[in-house]
């Protein structure tokens, strides 16, 4: 995984002490809240409804066991014993005291972590495929390029104050598991007609008030030129983005207003000016970064492999978990283990300090001391020998981390909503709990197959409701919490935006409405097709009738 050098360590330490003095000045009254706000945002500190929230960067979702243990300590010492995994693969702490945040940041720095650029109008944490490096459908591991972009973008003086926040995702797989079409810049590793591996560049995707699917700005950019091309895109945005209206400030609005041809021409003109500058990436630098992600010392398949048939036959719980929470690994004898953070009664994405400690120990024993966060608000142990799966499952089960619902309706994405967020219009967590309680029968969940449900407490769409097969948006109607339903969204290669199907329903009606939706899907589906495929085939009318009783 990524490695700090001496300069990285020094810079992060200096940043902590700089912020310590800024906090001191705020607490003494030397700084007003308006003066302090941009300073705290540069350090990932938000002010929520009840307390401050600190968002900690987890570069492209990679964590060592040492870092997991430190996050567990921080959850106990500075929070209420838990953290929350976000859709940007970061972790958030919802209850730190302002006067203790500098100490918290110092503790993060002890394990090569920080909260820099997790908020504010800058380039945010770079995300990627949670299966990077272990997926069989991968053209090339994207993580070295994520690290390249991370190092280039951190403290970039030209892009420290963009018109609005800026998000980048990178994938190297033939199947998009990183939602690259819904980022300000999405990068896909592709092979050119000549056989060279480089990047397809997608720009202008995003959700929020104006959800848009990104457009291909260039079909191929070489690895050498990828930073200069990203710099050209960002310069066009930085100079031409709307700084007067924050609702029109994202690059997606700039691209939509200009049109793809004019936007592409502007980027190409800027690229001509910067591509031959020192920002060109030499192969030696890529080799240096690739060394951060050398494969672990896998054992021969004959030693690592084990048939689980006998144990599965004896223990149906293990069999269910094995079938739904593990997936193929590119190395024979190994499996990828998906850890659900969607246990019954638990807010989606929450993980306790005890669970972080347990996961650290299990990763040391069974996955080379590493774990990953996912943008589905789950976690992954990427390198587990087949012979260890049963023992790992027992350890996860004892920690409350073995809920076998990955990819099902209850594996939902959910923002913190009105329980925490000052921007929210309605609660999300209570609604997620009611939906979860409605669908507790695992056999029923498995029969439904893949149903992506995504829930947001406001139009900012932190719960990605626009790209759920079923999307739910909380709104405020005369002081009451209501929920709009949209259908037909998808985040991957078949990217699409959902559409509203009718008027909002009251909070106590949303779980029954989802129940009616999925029962209508079962009636309408053909050949076990997915919910999204049934919706695309039959349209919205049968589902509208199921929810509202009218066609």
Protein backbone atom coordinates (compact mmCIF):
# COMPACT_ATOMS: atom_id res chain seq x y z
CA UNK A 1 0.00 0.00 0.00
CA UNK A 2 1.03 3.66 -0.03
CA UNK A 3 4.18 4.61 1.85
CA UNK A 4 5.13 7.91 3.46
CA UNK A 5 8.64 9.19 3.02
CA UNK A 6 10.37 11.63 5.38
CA UNK A 7 8.88 14.64 3.61
CA UNK A 8 5.36 13.23 3.91
CA UNK A 9 5.81 12.63 7.63
CA UNK A 10 7.21 16.11 8.21
CA UNK A 11 4.46 17.87 6.21
CA UNK A 12 1.64 16.04 7.98
CA UNK A 13 3.18 16.72 11.39
CA UNK A 14 3.61 20.40 10.59
CA UNK A 15 0.01 20.56 9.42
CA UNK A 16 -1.18 19.11 12.74
CA UNK A 17 0.73 21.75 14.73
CA UNK A 18 -0.51 24.50 12.45
CA UNK A 19 -4.09 23.43 13.07
CA UNK A 20 -3.44 23.08 16.80
CA UNK A 21 -2.62 26.78 16.88
CA UNK A 22 -5.68 27.62 14.78
CA UNK A 23 -7.92 25.71 17.21
CA UNK A 24 -6.31 27.51 20.13
CA UNK A 25 -7.04 30.85 18.51
CA UNK A 26 -10.64 29.85 17.81
CA UNK A 27 -11.22 28.73 21.40
CA UNK A 28 -9.68 31.93 22.75
CA UNK A 29 -11.87 34.09 20.53
CA UNK A 30 -9.02 35.39 18.38
CA UNK A 31 -10.70 33.78 15.36
CA UNK A 32 -14.42 34.10 14.64
CA UNK A 33 -16.35 31.08 13.36
CA UNK A 34 -16.42 32.65 9.88
CA UNK A 35 -12.62 33.01 9.97
CA UNK A 36 -12.14 29.52 11.38
CA UNK A 37 -14.47 27.75 8.94
CA UNK A 38 -12.10 27.56 5.91
CA UNK A 39 -9.26 26.52 8.21
CA UNK A 40 -11.17 23.61 9.74
CA UNK A 41 -12.51 22.50 6.37
CA UNK A 42 -8.95 22.25 5.07
CA UNK A 43 -8.44 19.70 7.85
CA UNK A 44 -11.58 17.66 7.21
CA UNK A 45 -13.56 19.09 10.12
CA UNK A 46 -17.27 19.78 9.62
CA UNK A 47 -19.81 21.20 12.04
CA UNK A 48 -22.86 18.94 12.07
CA UNK A 49 -26.20 19.24 13.88
CA UNK A 50 -24.93 18.19 17.31
CA UNK A 51 -21.15 18.22 17.18
CA UNK A 52 -18.12 18.40 14.93
CA UNK A 53 -17.48 15.58 12.46
CA UNK A 54 -13.99 14.64 11.28
CA UNK A 55 -13.59 12.89 7.94
CA UNK A 56 -10.39 10.86 7.76
CA UNK A 57 -8.82 10.08 4.38
CA UNK A 58 -8.34 6.45 3.41
CA UNK A 59 -6.53 6.62 0.05
CA UNK A 60 -8.39 4.40 -2.44
CA UNK A 61 -9.70 2.43 0.55
CA UNK A 62 -6.44 0.79 1.68
CA UNK A 63 -5.80 0.17 5.41
CA UNK A 64 -3.10 -1.70 7.28
CA UNK A 65 -3.90 -3.63 10.46
CA UNK A 66 -1.87 -1.03 12.39
CA UNK A 67 -4.11 1.70 11.04
CA UNK A 68 -7.25 -0.28 11.87
CA UNK A 69 -6.10 -0.55 15.48
CA UNK A 70 -5.40 3.16 15.63
CA UNK A 71 -8.86 3.94 14.23
CA UNK A 72 -10.31 1.70 16.95
CA UNK A 73 -8.36 3.65 19.57
CA UNK A 74 -9.56 6.95 18.12
CA UNK A 75 -13.19 5.73 18.12
CA UNK A 76 -12.92 4.96 21.83
CA UNK A 77 -10.82 7.96 22.85
CA UNK A 78 -12.45 10.77 20.85
CA UNK A 79 -15.82 9.45 19.70
CA UNK A 80 -18.59 7.25 21.11
CA UNK A 81 -16.95 3.96 20.25
CA UNK A 82 -17.59 3.73 16.51
CA UNK A 83 -16.84 5.23 13.09
CA UNK A 84 -18.79 5.49 9.86
CA UNK A 85 -17.51 4.31 6.46
CA UNK A 86 -18.52 6.77 3.72
CA UNK A 87 -19.17 6.28 0.02
CA UNK A 88 -15.78 7.86 -0.71
CA UNK A 89 -14.08 4.99 1.12
CA UNK A 90 -13.21 7.30 4.05
CA UNK A 91 -14.11 6.96 7.72
CA UNK A 92 -15.97 9.65 9.69
CA UNK A 93 -16.05 10.31 13.40
CA UNK A 94 -19.19 12.14 14.50
CA UNK A 95 -18.47 13.30 18.06
CA UNK A 96 -14.93 14.71 18.53
CA UNK A 97 -14.54 17.76 20.76
CA UNK A 98 -12.95 20.71 19.00
CA UNK A 99 -10.23 21.10 21.64
CA UNK A 100 -9.23 17.44 21.16
CA UNK A 101 -9.12 17.38 17.35
CA UNK A 102 -5.41 18.35 17.13
CA UNK A 103 -4.53 15.40 19.37
CA UNK A 104 -6.72 13.15 17.22
CA UNK A 105 -4.91 14.34 14.08
CA UNK A 106 -1.57 13.71 15.79
CA UNK A 107 -2.65 10.16 16.59
CA UNK A 108 -3.58 9.70 12.92
CA UNK A 109 -0.18 10.99 11.85
CA UNK A 110 1.44 8.28 13.99
CA UNK A 111 0.10 5.71 11.50
CA UNK A 112 0.52 7.71 8.27
CA UNK A 113 -3.06 9.01 8.12
CA UNK A 114 -4.63 12.47 8.01
CA UNK A 115 -7.82 14.37 7.18
CA UNK A 116 -6.32 16.74 4.61
CA UNK A 117 -8.49 17.50 1.55
CA UNK A 118 -11.42 15.43 2.74
CA UNK A 119 -13.52 18.60 2.60
CA UNK A 120 -13.44 22.02 0.99
CA UNK A 121 -13.26 23.06 -2.67
CA UNK A 122 -10.29 20.92 -3.58
CA UNK A 123 -9.42 17.55 -5.06
CA UNK A 124 -10.84 15.01 -2.63
CA UNK A 125 -9.77 11.47 -1.71
CA UNK A 126 -9.13 9.45 -4.88
CA UNK A 127 -11.29 6.31 -4.99
CA UNK A 128 -10.97 3.04 -6.86
CA UNK A 129 -12.25 -0.48 -7.32
CA UNK A 130 -12.21 -2.24 -3.95
CA UNK A 131 -10.98 -5.37 -5.79
CA UNK A 132 -7.99 -3.60 -7.33
CA UNK A 133 -5.06 -5.96 -7.75
CA UNK A 134 -7.03 -9.15 -7.10
CA UNK A 135 -9.81 -9.09 -9.71
CA UNK A 136 -9.55 -11.48 -12.61
CA UNK A 137 -11.05 -9.01 -15.08
CA UNK A 138 -8.37 -6.38 -14.49
CA UNK A 139 -6.32 -4.99 -17.34
CA UNK A 140 -3.87 -3.53 -14.84
CA UNK A 141 -3.83 -2.63 -11.14
CA UNK A 142 -5.15 0.97 -10.88
CA UNK A 143 -3.70 1.68 -7.44
CA UNK A 144 -0.30 3.00 -8.58
CA UNK A 145 -2.15 5.60 -10.64
CA UNK A 146 -4.42 6.45 -7.73
CA UNK A 147 -1.28 7.04 -5.67
CA UNK A 148 0.24 9.12 -8.47
CA UNK A 149 -2.85 11.33 -8.51
CA UNK A 150 -2.93 11.50 -4.71
CA UNK A 151 0.65 12.74 -4.54
CA UNK A 152 0.13 15.22 -7.38
CA UNK A 153 -3.12 16.63 -6.02
CA UNK A 154 -2.23 16.94 -2.31
CA UNK A 155 -1.46 20.59 -1.54
CA UNK A 156 -1.50 21.42 -5.26
CA UNK A 157 -1.20 25.23 -5.06
CA UNK A 158 -3.27 25.91 -8.18
CA UNK A 159 -6.20 23.73 -7.15
CA UNK A 160 -6.51 24.47 -3.44
CA UNK A 161 -9.54 26.71 -3.99
CA UNK A 162 -11.59 25.40 -6.90
CA UNK A 163 -15.10 26.62 -7.69
CA UNK A 164 -16.38 23.52 -5.93
CA UNK A 165 -15.22 20.12 -4.61
CA UNK A 166 -13.64 17.76 -7.14
CA UNK A 167 -13.73 13.95 -7.14
CA UNK A 168 -11.64 11.47 -9.12
CA UNK A 169 -12.05 7.69 -9.47
CA UNK A 170 -9.82 5.19 -11.27
CA UNK A 171 -10.53 1.63 -12.39
CA UNK A 172 -8.46 -0.94 -14.22
CA UNK A 173 -11.17 -3.57 -14.66
CA UNK A 174 -13.36 -4.43 -17.62
CA UNK A 175 -16.37 -4.24 -15.27
CA UNK A 176 -16.74 -0.82 -13.63
CA UNK A 177 -16.98 -1.25 -9.86
CA UNK A 178 -15.81 2.31 -9.11
CA UNK A 179 -18.74 4.29 -10.61
CA UNK A 180 -16.34 6.28 -12.79
CA UNK A 181 -19.20 7.82 -14.80
CA UNK A 182 -20.37 9.71 -11.72
CA UNK A 183 -17.15 11.53 -10.87
CA UNK A 184 -15.75 14.88 -11.93
CA UNK A 185 -13.01 12.87 -13.60
CA UNK A 186 -13.35 9.13 -14.13
CA UNK A 187 -10.34 7.22 -15.47
CA UNK A 188 -10.54 3.75 -17.03
CA UNK A 189 -7.45 1.82 -18.01
CA UNK A 190 -7.90 0.70 -21.62
CA UNK A 191 -5.78 -0.80 -24.39
CA UNK A 192 -5.32 1.20 -27.59
CA UNK A 193 -5.49 -0.25 -31.08
CA UNK A 194 -1.69 -0.43 -31.04
CA UNK A 195 -1.70 -2.43 -27.81
CA UNK A 196 -0.58 0.36 -25.47
CA UNK A 197 -2.30 0.59 -22.06
CA UNK A 198 -3.48 4.06 -21.11
CA UNK A 199 -6.62 5.85 -19.96
CA UNK A 200 -10.04 6.68 -21.24
CA UNK A 201 -11.01 10.01 -19.62
CA UNK A 202 -14.59 10.67 -18.54
CA UNK A 203 -15.51 14.13 -17.24
CA UNK A 204 -18.56 15.79 -15.77
CA UNK A 205 -20.34 13.06 -13.86
CA UNK A 206 -21.98 13.68 -10.52
CA UNK A 207 -25.11 13.53 -8.43
CA UNK A 208 -26.64 16.17 -6.13
CA UNK A 209 -29.14 18.74 -7.37
CA UNK A 210 -28.23 18.18 -11.01
CA UNK A 211 -27.33 14.52 -11.54
CA UNK A 212 -25.42 13.87 -14.76
CA UNK A 213 -23.60 10.94 -16.33
CA UNK A 214 -20.05 11.83 -17.30
CA UNK A 215 -18.99 12.07 -20.93
CA UNK A 216 -15.88 10.75 -22.63
CA UNK A 217 -13.61 13.71 -23.29
CA UNK A 218 -10.74 11.64 -24.66
CA UNK A 219 -10.71 8.00 -25.64
CA UNK A 220 -7.01 7.48 -24.93
CA UNK A 221 -4.35 9.27 -22.91
CA UNK A 222 -0.98 7.61 -22.30
CA UNK A 223 0.25 6.90 -18.79
CA UNK A 224 3.04 9.42 -19.33
CA UNK A 225 0.52 12.14 -20.06
CA UNK A 226 -2.25 11.37 -17.58
CA UNK A 227 -1.27 14.01 -15.02
CA UNK A 228 -0.87 16.73 -17.63
CA UNK A 229 -4.27 15.85 -19.09
CA UNK A 230 -5.93 15.94 -15.67
CA UNK A 231 -4.18 19.26 -15.05
CA UNK A 232 -5.57 20.62 -18.32
CA UNK A 233 -9.11 19.57 -17.34
CA UNK A 234 -8.75 21.17 -13.93
CA UNK A 235 -7.32 24.39 -15.35
CA UNK A 236 -10.26 24.75 -17.73
CA UNK A 237 -12.60 24.16 -14.81
CA UNK A 238 -10.75 26.40 -12.37
CA UNK A 239 -10.72 29.35 -14.77
CA UNK A 240 -14.21 28.87 -16.22
CA UNK A 241 -16.26 27.37 -13.40
CA UNK A 242 -19.10 29.39 -11.85
CA UNK A 243 -17.89 30.83 -8.53
CA UNK A 244 -20.99 32.96 -7.97
CA UNK A 245 -23.61 30.20 -7.66
CA UNK A 246 -22.58 27.09 -5.73
CA UNK A 247 -25.44 25.14 -7.30
CA UNK A 248 -23.86 25.67 -10.71
CA UNK A 249 -20.24 25.46 -9.64
CA UNK A 250 -19.42 21.82 -10.42
CA UNK A 251 -17.56 20.91 -13.59
CA UNK A 252 -20.59 18.93 -14.78
CA UNK A 253 -22.55 22.19 -15.18
CA UNK A 254 -19.66 23.85 -17.00
CA UNK A 255 -19.43 20.93 -19.43
CA UNK A 256 -23.19 20.76 -19.95
CA UNK A 257 -23.40 24.50 -20.59
CA UNK A 258 -20.47 24.61 -23.00
CA UNK A 259 -21.26 21.33 -24.73
CA UNK A 260 -18.89 18.41 -25.04
CA UNK A 261 -17.21 19.62 -28.25
CA UNK A 262 -16.38 23.09 -26.94
CA UNK A 263 -15.26 21.73 -23.59
CA UNK A 264 -13.05 19.13 -25.25
CA UNK A 265 -11.49 21.80 -27.48
CA UNK A 266 -10.69 23.97 -24.47
CA UNK A 267 -9.04 21.05 -22.67
CA UNK A 268 -7.03 20.05 -25.73
CA UNK A 269 -5.79 23.62 -26.17
CA UNK A 270 -4.70 23.78 -22.54
CA UNK A 271 -3.12 20.34 -22.77
CA UNK A 272 -0.96 21.48 -25.67
CA UNK A 273 0.50 24.07 -23.31
CA UNK A 274 1.29 21.74 -20.40
CA UNK A 275 1.87 18.21 -21.70
CA UNK A 276 5.61 18.59 -22.28
CA UNK A 277 6.32 20.28 -18.97
CA UNK A 278 7.99 18.40 -16.06
CA UNK A 279 4.57 17.05 -15.13
CA UNK A 280 5.05 14.26 -17.69
CA UNK A 281 5.35 10.98 -15.76
CA UNK A 282 8.54 8.98 -16.37
CA UNK A 283 8.35 5.21 -16.36
CA UNK A 284 10.77 5.09 -13.44
CA UNK A 285 8.25 6.95 -11.28
CA UNK A 286 5.50 4.50 -12.23
CA UNK A 287 7.83 1.62 -11.35
CA UNK A 288 8.47 3.22 -7.96
CA UNK A 289 4.74 3.45 -7.28
CA UNK A 290 4.05 -0.07 -8.55
CA UNK A 291 6.50 -1.32 -5.93
CA UNK A 292 4.07 -0.09 -3.26
CA UNK A 293 1.58 -2.67 -4.48
CA UNK A 294 3.65 -5.77 -5.04
CA UNK A 295 1.50 -8.89 -4.55
CA UNK A 296 1.84 -10.54 -1.15
CA UNK A 297 3.60 -13.87 -0.70
CA UNK A 298 0.80 -16.11 -1.95
CA UNK A 299 1.19 -19.81 -1.27
CA UNK A 300 0.96 -22.44 -3.95
CA UNK A 301 -2.62 -23.27 -4.84
CA UNK A 302 -2.19 -26.83 -3.56
CA UNK A 303 -1.47 -25.49 -0.05
CA UNK A 304 -3.86 -22.55 -0.02
CA UNK A 305 -6.82 -24.36 -1.53
CA UNK A 306 -9.34 -26.42 0.37
CA UNK A 307 -12.67 -27.90 -0.56
CA UNK A 308 -15.39 -26.39 1.63
CA UNK A 309 -18.08 -28.80 0.48
CA UNK A 310 -18.01 -30.96 3.62
CA UNK A 311 -18.06 -28.03 6.04
CA UNK A 312 -20.76 -26.27 4.01
CA UNK A 313 -22.93 -29.34 4.18
CA UNK A 314 -22.58 -29.50 7.96
CA UNK A 315 -23.03 -25.77 8.62
CA UNK A 316 -25.61 -23.98 6.43
CA UNK A 317 -24.72 -20.59 7.97
CA UNK A 318 -21.16 -20.94 6.71
CA UNK A 319 -22.47 -22.07 3.33
CA UNK A 320 -24.67 -18.97 3.00
CA UNK A 321 -21.83 -16.65 3.95
CA UNK A 322 -19.43 -18.40 1.59
CA UNK A 323 -21.86 -18.10 -1.32
CA UNK A 324 -22.83 -14.46 -0.79
CA UNK A 325 -19.86 -12.81 0.95
CA UNK A 326 -16.90 -14.21 -0.96
CA UNK A 327 -15.90 -13.87 -4.60
CA UNK A 328 -13.28 -15.13 -7.03
CA UNK A 329 -9.64 -14.15 -6.68
CA UNK A 330 -7.24 -14.06 -9.61
CA UNK A 331 -4.80 -16.32 -7.71
CA UNK A 332 -5.86 -19.99 -7.49
CA UNK A 333 -6.49 -21.12 -3.94
CA UNK A 334 -7.59 -17.69 -2.68
CA UNK A 335 -10.91 -15.84 -2.25
CA UNK A 336 -11.95 -12.23 -1.74
CA UNK A 337 -14.01 -11.80 1.44
CA UNK A 338 -16.67 -9.07 1.55
CA UNK A 339 -17.52 -7.85 5.04
CA UNK A 340 -21.02 -6.47 5.38
CA UNK A 341 -21.45 -3.38 7.57
CA UNK A 342 -25.23 -3.79 7.19
CA UNK A 343 -26.10 -6.06 10.12
CA UNK A 344 -29.73 -5.91 11.31
CA UNK A 345 -30.36 -2.87 13.49
CA UNK A 346 -27.03 -1.21 12.67
CA UNK A 347 -26.84 2.08 10.70
CA UNK A 348 -25.37 1.18 7.29
CA UNK A 349 -21.62 1.80 7.22
CA UNK A 350 -21.09 1.97 10.99
CA UNK A 351 -18.30 -0.07 12.54
CA UNK A 352 -17.44 -0.22 16.25
CA UNK A 353 -14.03 0.10 17.87
CA UNK A 354 -14.21 -3.55 18.94
CA UNK A 355 -15.00 -4.57 15.37
CA UNK A 356 -12.08 -2.53 14.03
CA UNK A 357 -9.77 -4.28 16.48
CA UNK A 358 -11.21 -7.68 15.55
CA UNK A 359 -10.79 -6.92 11.86
CA UNK A 360 -7.17 -5.89 12.44
CA UNK A 361 -6.45 -9.22 14.14
CA UNK A 362 -8.26 -11.20 11.45
CA UNK A 363 -6.45 -9.34 8.68
CA UNK A 364 -3.13 -10.17 10.33
CA UNK A 365 -4.06 -13.83 10.57
CA UNK A 366 -5.73 -14.32 7.22
CA UNK A 367 -5.14 -11.44 4.75
CA UNK A 368 -1.52 -10.27 4.98
CA UNK A 369 -2.36 -7.49 7.46
CA UNK A 370 -4.46 -5.39 5.08
CA UNK A 371 -8.14 -4.48 4.71
CA UNK A 372 -10.10 -2.23 2.40
CA UNK A 373 -13.12 0.04 2.55
CA UNK A 374 -15.62 0.11 -0.32
CA UNK A 375 -17.85 2.83 -1.74
CA UNK A 376 -20.79 0.55 -0.89
CA UNK A 377 -19.97 1.28 2.78
CA UNK A 378 -18.59 -2.20 3.42
CA UNK A 379 -15.11 -3.65 3.91
CA UNK A 380 -13.01 -6.27 2.16
CA UNK A 381 -10.27 -8.72 3.07
CA UNK A 382 -8.80 -9.19 -0.36
CA UNK A 383 -6.37 -12.12 0.01
CA UNK A 384 -7.75 -15.03 2.01
CA UNK A 385 -6.55 -18.59 1.44
CA UNK A 386 -9.44 -20.98 0.88
CA UNK A 387 -8.23 -23.21 3.69
CA UNK A 388 -8.74 -20.30 6.15
CA UNK A 389 -12.27 -19.31 5.14
CA UNK A 390 -14.09 -21.27 7.83
CA UNK A 391 -11.85 -19.97 10.61
CA UNK A 392 -12.13 -16.43 9.30
CA UNK A 393 -15.92 -16.74 9.10
CA UNK A 394 -16.08 -17.83 12.74
CA UNK A 395 -13.97 -14.83 13.73
CA UNK A 396 -16.14 -12.44 11.74
CA UNK A 397 -19.30 -14.01 13.12
CA UNK A 398 -18.09 -13.54 16.69
CA UNK A 399 -17.40 -9.85 15.88
CA UNK A 400 -20.83 -9.29 14.31
CA UNK A 401 -19.28 -8.89 10.85
CA UNK A 402 -20.59 -11.94 9.03
CA UNK A 403 -24.06 -10.84 7.90
CA UNK A 404 -24.48 -12.77 4.60
CA UNK A 405 -26.29 -10.07 2.64
CA UNK A 406 -23.71 -8.64 0.23
CA UNK A 407 -25.42 -7.54 -2.98
CA UNK A 408 -28.93 -7.90 -1.60
CA UNK A 409 -31.59 -5.30 -0.91
CA UNK A 410 -30.52 -4.89 2.75
CA UNK A 411 -26.94 -4.16 1.63
CA UNK A 412 -28.14 -0.60 1.13
CA UNK A 413 -26.19 2.65 0.94
CA UNK A 414 -27.44 5.23 3.42
CA UNK A 415 -26.22 8.69 4.44
CA UNK A 416 -26.32 9.78 8.12
CA UNK A 417 -29.35 11.98 7.38
CA UNK A 418 -31.08 14.21 9.89
CA UNK A 419 -29.66 12.25 12.84
CA UNK A 420 -26.32 14.01 12.27
CA UNK A 421 -26.16 16.17 9.16
CA UNK A 422 -27.05 19.87 9.30
CA UNK A 423 -27.92 19.82 5.59
CA UNK A 424 -30.42 16.97 5.79
CA UNK A 425 -34.16 17.46 5.40
CA UNK A 426 -35.19 14.04 6.69
CA UNK A 427 -33.90 11.04 8.58
CA UNK A 428 -32.21 8.17 6.77
CA UNK A 429 -31.08 5.75 9.45
CA UNK A 430 -34.55 5.07 10.90
CA UNK A 431 -35.94 4.45 7.40
CA UNK A 432 -33.07 2.09 6.60
CA UNK A 433 -33.81 0.19 9.81
CA UNK A 434 -37.51 -0.17 8.92
CA UNK A 435 -36.67 -1.45 5.45
CA UNK A 436 -34.16 -3.86 6.93
CA UNK A 437 -36.76 -5.16 9.40
CA UNK A 438 -39.17 -5.74 6.50
CA UNK A 439 -36.67 -7.95 4.66
CA UNK A 440 -35.12 -10.18 7.32
CA UNK A 441 -35.84 -13.48 5.57
CA UNK A 442 -32.52 -14.38 3.95
CA UNK A 443 -34.08 -16.86 1.55
CA UNK A 444 -36.42 -14.13 0.32
CA UNK A 445 -33.49 -11.73 -0.08
CA UNK A 446 -31.54 -14.30 -2.08
CA UNK A 447 -34.56 -15.00 -4.27
CA UNK A 448 -34.85 -11.28 -5.04
CA UNK A 449 -31.25 -11.27 -6.23
CA UNK A 450 -29.37 -8.05 -6.85
CA UNK A 451 -31.47 -5.06 -5.80
CA UNK A 452 -29.45 -1.91 -5.13
CA UNK A 453 -31.28 0.37 -2.71
CA UNK A 454 -29.77 3.79 -1.96
CA UNK A 455 -31.11 6.32 0.50
CA UNK A 456 -30.33 10.05 1.00
CA UNK A 457 -31.64 12.50 3.56
CA UNK A 458 -31.36 15.50 1.22
CA UNK A 459 -30.82 16.53 -2.39
CA UNK A 460 -27.03 16.54 -1.98
CA UNK A 461 -27.24 12.77 -2.58
CA UNK A 462 -24.54 11.49 -0.22
CA UNK A 463 -26.54 8.24 -0.26
CA UNK A 464 -26.36 8.09 -4.09
CA UNK A 465 -30.14 7.72 -4.46
CA UNK A 466 -30.03 8.72 -8.14
CA UNK A 467 -28.09 5.56 -9.03
CA UNK A 468 -29.96 3.00 -6.98
CA UNK A 469 -32.18 0.46 -8.66
CA UNK A 470 -34.47 1.84 -5.97
CA UNK A 471 -33.56 5.34 -4.83
CA UNK A 472 -35.14 7.09 -1.86
CA UNK A 473 -34.82 10.82 -1.12
CA UNK A 474 -35.93 12.38 2.14
CA UNK A 475 -37.69 15.75 1.90
CA UNK A 476 -39.43 18.13 4.32
CA UNK A 477 -43.12 18.86 3.78
CA UNK A 478 -44.51 21.43 6.21
CA UNK A 479 -42.25 20.15 8.97
CA UNK A 480 -42.94 16.47 8.30
CA UNK A 481 -40.49 13.92 6.88
CA UNK A 482 -41.55 12.49 3.52
CA UNK A 483 -39.74 10.35 0.98
CA UNK A 484 -39.68 10.38 -2.80
CA UNK A 485 -39.07 7.13 -4.70
CA UNK A 486 -37.12 6.83 -7.91
CA UNK A 487 -36.42 3.71 -9.96
CA UNK A 488 -33.95 2.70 -12.65
CA UNK A 489 -30.60 4.07 -11.53
CA UNK A 490 -27.35 2.13 -11.93
CA UNK A 491 -23.71 3.06 -11.20
CA UNK A 492 -21.62 0.78 -13.42
CA UNK A 493 -21.13 0.01 -17.09
CA UNK A 494 -24.88 0.29 -17.64
CA UNK A 495 -24.89 3.68 -15.91
CA UNK A 496 -28.29 5.33 -15.69
CA UNK A 497 -30.12 7.87 -13.56
CA UNK A 498 -33.31 6.92 -11.79
CA UNK A 499 -36.64 8.66 -12.37
CA UNK A 500 -39.31 9.68 -9.88
CA UNK A 501 -42.41 7.51 -10.01
CA UNK A 502 -44.87 9.67 -8.07
CA UNK A 503 -45.55 11.83 -5.02
CA UNK A 504 -43.61 11.49 -1.77
CA UNK A 505 -44.89 9.15 0.94
CA UNK A 506 -44.80 9.57 4.72
CA UNK A 507 -41.99 8.02 6.76
CA UNK A 508 -44.12 5.20 8.14
CA UNK A 509 -45.19 4.28 4.58
CA UNK A 510 -41.81 4.02 2.92
CA UNK A 511 -40.91 0.48 4.05
CA UNK A 512 -44.35 -0.91 3.00
CA UNK A 513 -43.95 0.90 -0.33
CA UNK A 514 -40.57 -0.77 -0.92
CA UNK A 515 -42.16 -4.10 -0.02
CA UNK A 516 -44.88 -3.57 -2.63
CA UNK A 517 -42.26 -2.57 -5.21
CA UNK A 518 -40.24 -5.74 -4.83
CA UNK A 519 -43.32 -7.96 -4.80
CA UNK A 520 -44.40 -6.39 -8.07
CA UNK A 521 -40.91 -7.02 -9.41
CA UNK A 522 -41.21 -10.72 -8.53
CA UNK A 523 -44.52 -10.85 -10.40
CA UNK A 524 -43.08 -9.13 -13.48
CA UNK A 525 -39.58 -10.58 -13.78
CA UNK A 526 -38.61 -13.09 -16.43
CA UNK A 527 -35.89 -15.74 -16.17
CA UNK A 528 -34.64 -14.48 -12.78
CA UNK A 529 -33.59 -11.14 -14.28
CA UNK A 530 -32.40 -8.38 -12.00
CA UNK A 531 -34.72 -5.71 -10.65
CA UNK A 532 -33.10 -3.08 -12.88
CA UNK A 533 -33.55 -5.25 -15.98
CA UNK A 534 -37.21 -5.88 -15.20
CA UNK A 535 -37.78 -2.16 -14.70
CA UNK A 536 -36.10 -1.35 -18.00
CA UNK A 537 -38.19 -3.95 -19.79
CA UNK A 538 -41.66 -3.21 -18.37
CA UNK A 539 -41.28 0.48 -17.49
CA UNK A 540 -42.49 2.40 -14.46
CA UNK A 541 -46.26 1.89 -14.71
CA UNK A 542 -46.53 -1.51 -12.96
CA UNK A 543 -44.41 -0.18 -10.09
CA UNK A 544 -46.41 3.06 -9.81
CA UNK A 545 -49.56 1.00 -9.55
CA UNK A 546 -47.98 -1.15 -6.84
CA UNK A 547 -46.99 1.86 -4.73
CA UNK A 548 -49.93 4.19 -5.29
CA UNK A 549 -52.71 1.88 -6.44
CA UNK A 550 -53.06 3.79 -9.73
CA UNK A 551 -51.54 3.36 -13.17
